[in-house]
Amino acid sequence: MKTVQELADQLGVTRQRVQQVIQALPKEKQAKKEKGRLQITEQVEADIKAFMRKGETAKANKQASKSNLLVNLLKENNAKNLFKI
């Protein structure tokens, strides 16, 4: 079992970010407190990592979509300028 801080260090994020992700998980997948500290089991750790990967994928898709939009706008603009001779 790991603590929130240990997992945060491993993932390269803040302790607060790990706690936010834990709160976003369904209740049955959240870490349990033991002696006043959240204890991260292997299953909870896997759920946290999966949640974070899903967020990274969505962010990457959104960024790619914006890039494609920009490329299309530039192509349109270039095509319009070709006929302005």
N, C-alpha and C. Protein backbone atom coordinates (compact mmCIF):
# COMPACT_ATOMS: atom_id res chain seq x y z
N MET A 1 0.84 -1.18 0.00
CA MET A 1 0.00 0.00 0.00
C MET A 1 0.88 1.24 0.00
N LYS A 2 0.36 2.28 -0.63
CA LYS A 2 1.08 3.54 -0.72
C LYS A 2 0.25 4.64 -0.07
N THR A 3 0.94 5.71 0.25
CA THR A 3 0.23 6.90 0.71
C THR A 3 -0.03 7.77 -0.51
N VAL A 4 -0.88 8.77 -0.33
CA VAL A 4 -1.18 9.72 -1.41
C VAL A 4 0.11 10.40 -1.86
N GLN A 5 0.95 10.80 -0.93
CA GLN A 5 2.19 11.48 -1.28
C GLN A 5 3.12 10.59 -2.09
N GLU A 6 3.23 9.33 -1.71
CA GLU A 6 4.09 8.40 -2.44
C GLU A 6 3.61 8.24 -3.89
N LEU A 7 2.30 8.11 -4.07
CA LEU A 7 1.75 7.97 -5.42
C LEU A 7 1.94 9.26 -6.21
N ALA A 8 1.73 10.39 -5.57
CA ALA A 8 1.92 11.68 -6.24
C ALA A 8 3.37 11.81 -6.72
N ASP A 9 4.30 11.45 -5.88
CA ASP A 9 5.71 11.51 -6.25
C ASP A 9 5.99 10.59 -7.44
N GLN A 10 5.43 9.41 -7.42
CA GLN A 10 5.64 8.45 -8.49
C GLN A 10 5.06 8.97 -9.82
N LEU A 11 3.90 9.62 -9.76
CA LEU A 11 3.23 10.10 -10.97
C LEU A 11 3.73 11.48 -11.42
N GLY A 12 4.47 12.15 -10.54
CA GLY A 12 4.97 13.47 -10.89
C GLY A 12 3.90 14.55 -10.83
N VAL A 13 2.94 14.37 -9.94
CA VAL A 13 1.87 15.36 -9.73
C VAL A 13 1.83 15.73 -8.25
N THR A 14 0.99 16.68 -7.93
CA THR A 14 0.88 17.09 -6.53
C THR A 14 -0.01 16.12 -5.75
N ARG A 15 0.14 16.16 -4.46
CA ARG A 15 -0.70 15.37 -3.56
C ARG A 15 -2.16 15.77 -3.73
N GLN A 16 -2.37 17.08 -3.92
CA GLN A 16 -3.73 17.59 -4.09
C GLN A 16 -4.37 17.03 -5.35
N ARG A 17 -3.59 16.89 -6.43
CA ARG A 17 -4.14 16.35 -7.68
C ARG A 17 -4.58 14.90 -7.48
N VAL A 18 -3.78 14.13 -6.78
CA VAL A 18 -4.16 12.74 -6.50
C VAL A 18 -5.44 12.71 -5.67
N GLN A 19 -5.56 13.59 -4.70
CA GLN A 19 -6.77 13.64 -3.88
C GLN A 19 -7.98 14.05 -4.73
N GLN A 20 -7.79 14.97 -5.68
CA GLN A 20 -8.89 15.36 -6.57
C GLN A 20 -9.36 14.17 -7.40
N VAL A 21 -8.41 13.39 -7.91
CA VAL A 21 -8.76 12.23 -8.71
C VAL A 21 -9.49 11.20 -7.86
N ILE A 22 -9.02 10.99 -6.63
CA ILE A 22 -9.69 10.05 -5.73
C ILE A 22 -11.14 10.48 -5.51
N GLN A 23 -11.36 11.76 -5.30
CA GLN A 23 -12.72 12.27 -5.09
C GLN A 23 -13.59 12.10 -6.33
N ALA A 24 -12.97 12.14 -7.52
CA ALA A 24 -13.72 12.00 -8.77
C ALA A 24 -14.09 10.55 -9.07
N LEU A 25 -13.41 9.61 -8.43
CA LEU A 25 -13.72 8.20 -8.63
C LEU A 25 -15.05 7.85 -7.95
N PRO A 26 -15.74 6.82 -8.46
CA PRO A 26 -16.95 6.36 -7.77
C PRO A 26 -16.61 5.95 -6.33
N LYS A 27 -17.55 6.10 -5.44
CA LYS A 27 -17.32 5.82 -4.00
C LYS A 27 -16.69 4.45 -3.75
N GLU A 28 -17.15 3.44 -4.48
CA GLU A 28 -16.63 2.09 -4.23
C GLU A 28 -15.18 1.92 -4.68
N LYS A 29 -14.67 2.84 -5.49
CA LYS A 29 -13.29 2.74 -5.95
C LYS A 29 -12.34 3.68 -5.20
N GLN A 30 -12.87 4.47 -4.29
CA GLN A 30 -12.04 5.43 -3.56
C GLN A 30 -11.19 4.75 -2.48
N ALA A 31 -10.07 5.39 -2.18
CA ALA A 31 -9.18 4.90 -1.13
C ALA A 31 -9.86 5.03 0.23
N LYS A 32 -9.52 4.14 1.12
CA LYS A 32 -10.07 4.15 2.48
C LYS A 32 -9.04 4.74 3.44
N LYS A 33 -9.55 5.38 4.49
CA LYS A 33 -8.64 5.93 5.49
C LYS A 33 -8.26 4.86 6.50
N GLU A 34 -7.00 4.88 6.85
CA GLU A 34 -6.49 3.97 7.87
C GLU A 34 -5.57 4.79 8.77
N LYS A 35 -5.92 4.89 10.03
CA LYS A 35 -5.16 5.69 10.99
C LYS A 35 -5.03 7.14 10.53
N GLY A 36 -6.13 7.65 9.96
CA GLY A 36 -6.17 9.05 9.57
C GLY A 36 -5.52 9.37 8.24
N ARG A 37 -5.03 8.36 7.52
CA ARG A 37 -4.39 8.58 6.23
C ARG A 37 -5.06 7.71 5.17
N LEU A 38 -5.17 8.26 3.96
CA LEU A 38 -5.68 7.47 2.86
C LEU A 38 -4.63 6.45 2.46
N GLN A 39 -5.03 5.22 2.35
CA GLN A 39 -4.13 4.15 1.94
C GLN A 39 -4.50 3.72 0.52
N ILE A 40 -3.53 3.79 -0.35
CA ILE A 40 -3.76 3.48 -1.75
C ILE A 40 -3.41 2.00 -2.00
N THR A 41 -4.43 1.20 -2.25
CA THR A 41 -4.19 -0.20 -2.59
C THR A 41 -3.79 -0.28 -4.06
N GLU A 42 -3.34 -1.45 -4.50
CA GLU A 42 -2.95 -1.62 -5.89
C GLU A 42 -4.13 -1.36 -6.83
N GLN A 43 -5.33 -1.77 -6.43
CA GLN A 43 -6.52 -1.55 -7.26
C GLN A 43 -6.86 -0.07 -7.35
N VAL A 44 -6.81 0.63 -6.23
CA VAL A 44 -7.09 2.06 -6.23
C VAL A 44 -6.05 2.79 -7.08
N GLU A 45 -4.79 2.38 -6.95
CA GLU A 45 -3.72 2.98 -7.74
C GLU A 45 -4.00 2.79 -9.24
N ALA A 46 -4.41 1.59 -9.62
CA ALA A 46 -4.73 1.31 -11.02
C ALA A 46 -5.89 2.18 -11.50
N ASP A 47 -6.91 2.34 -10.64
CA ASP A 47 -8.06 3.17 -11.00
C ASP A 47 -7.66 4.64 -11.17
N ILE A 48 -6.79 5.12 -10.29
CA ILE A 48 -6.31 6.50 -10.37
C ILE A 48 -5.53 6.71 -11.67
N LYS A 49 -4.63 5.78 -11.98
CA LYS A 49 -3.82 5.89 -13.20
C LYS A 49 -4.71 5.85 -14.44
N ALA A 50 -5.71 4.97 -14.45
CA ALA A 50 -6.63 4.87 -15.58
C ALA A 50 -7.40 6.17 -15.76
N PHE A 51 -7.85 6.74 -14.67
CA PHE A 51 -8.60 8.00 -14.71
C PHE A 51 -7.72 9.11 -15.29
N MET A 52 -6.46 9.16 -14.85
CA MET A 52 -5.55 10.20 -15.31
C MET A 52 -5.19 10.01 -16.78
N ARG A 53 -5.03 8.77 -17.21
CA ARG A 53 -4.74 8.50 -18.63
C ARG A 53 -5.90 8.93 -19.51
N LYS A 54 -7.11 8.66 -19.02
CA LYS A 54 -8.30 9.03 -19.78
C LYS A 54 -8.35 10.55 -19.96
N GLY A 55 -8.00 11.28 -18.92
CA GLY A 55 -7.97 12.74 -19.00
C GLY A 55 -6.90 13.23 -19.95
N GLU A 56 -5.74 12.58 -19.95
CA GLU A 56 -4.65 12.97 -20.85
C GLU A 56 -5.04 12.70 -22.30
N THR A 57 -5.72 11.59 -22.54
CA THR A 57 -6.16 11.25 -23.89
C THR A 57 -7.17 12.27 -24.40
N ALA A 58 -8.11 12.64 -23.55
CA ALA A 58 -9.11 13.62 -23.94
C ALA A 58 -8.44 14.96 -24.24
N LYS A 59 -7.47 15.34 -23.44
CA LYS A 59 -6.76 16.60 -23.65
C LYS A 59 -5.99 16.56 -24.97
N ALA A 60 -5.34 15.45 -25.26
CA ALA A 60 -4.58 15.31 -26.51
C ALA A 60 -5.52 15.36 -27.71
N ASN A 61 -6.69 14.71 -27.60
CA ASN A 61 -7.65 14.73 -28.70
C ASN A 61 -8.17 16.14 -28.94
N LYS A 62 -8.42 16.86 -27.89
CA LYS A 62 -8.90 18.24 -28.01
C LYS A 62 -7.83 19.11 -28.67
N GLN A 63 -6.59 18.92 -28.28
CA GLN A 63 -5.49 19.70 -28.85
C GLN A 63 -5.32 19.35 -30.34
N ALA A 64 -5.43 18.09 -30.70
CA ALA A 64 -5.32 17.67 -32.10
C ALA A 64 -6.45 18.27 -32.92
N SER A 65 -7.63 18.30 -32.34
CA SER A 65 -8.78 18.88 -33.03
C SER A 65 -8.56 20.36 -33.31
N LYS A 66 -8.02 21.08 -32.33
CA LYS A 66 -7.73 22.50 -32.53
C LYS A 66 -6.68 22.70 -33.61
N SER A 67 -5.67 21.83 -33.63
CA SER A 67 -4.61 21.91 -34.64
C SER A 67 -5.19 21.68 -36.02
N ASN A 68 -6.05 20.67 -36.15
CA ASN A 68 -6.68 20.39 -37.45
C ASN A 68 -7.54 21.55 -37.91
N LEU A 69 -8.26 22.17 -37.00
CA LEU A 69 -9.08 23.32 -37.33
C LEU A 69 -8.21 24.47 -37.84
N LEU A 70 -7.10 24.72 -37.18
CA LEU A 70 -6.18 25.77 -37.58
C LEU A 70 -5.61 25.50 -38.97
N VAL A 71 -5.20 24.27 -39.22
CA VAL A 71 -4.66 23.90 -40.53
C VAL A 71 -5.71 24.12 -41.61
N ASN A 72 -6.94 23.71 -41.35
CA ASN A 72 -8.01 23.89 -42.33
C ASN A 72 -8.30 25.36 -42.60
N LEU A 73 -8.28 26.17 -41.56
CA LEU A 73 -8.50 27.60 -41.75
C LEU A 73 -7.38 28.23 -42.57
N LEU A 74 -6.15 27.82 -42.30
CA LEU A 74 -5.02 28.34 -43.08
C LEU A 74 -5.11 27.91 -44.54
N LYS A 75 -5.52 26.68 -44.79
CA LYS A 75 -5.68 26.21 -46.16
C LYS A 75 -6.76 27.02 -46.89
N GLU A 76 -7.87 27.25 -46.21
CA GLU A 76 -8.95 28.06 -46.79
C GLU A 76 -8.47 29.46 -47.12
N ASN A 77 -7.77 30.05 -46.17
CA ASN A 77 -7.26 31.40 -46.35
C ASN A 77 -6.30 31.46 -47.53
N ASN A 78 -5.41 30.50 -47.65
CA ASN A 78 -4.46 30.44 -48.76
C ASN A 78 -5.17 30.25 -50.08
N ALA A 79 -6.20 29.42 -50.11
CA ALA A 79 -6.96 29.19 -51.34
C ALA A 79 -7.67 30.48 -51.77
N LYS A 80 -8.22 31.22 -50.85
CA LYS A 80 -8.88 32.49 -51.17
C LYS A 80 -7.88 33.51 -51.71
N ASN A 81 -6.70 33.54 -51.11
CA ASN A 81 -5.69 34.50 -51.53
C ASN A 81 -5.13 34.17 -52.91
N LEU A 82 -5.17 32.94 -53.33
CA LEU A 82 -4.68 32.56 -54.65
C LEU A 82 -5.55 33.17 -55.76
N PHE A 83 -6.80 33.37 -55.50
CA PHE A 83 -7.73 33.90 -56.51
C PHE A 83 -7.83 35.42 -56.47
N LYS A 84 -7.08 36.08 -55.62
CA LYS A 84 -7.13 37.55 -55.50
C LYS A 84 -6.11 38.23 -56.40
N ILE A 85 -5.61 37.63 -57.38
CA ILE A 85 -4.56 38.21 -58.23
C ILE A 85 -5.10 39.29 -59.10
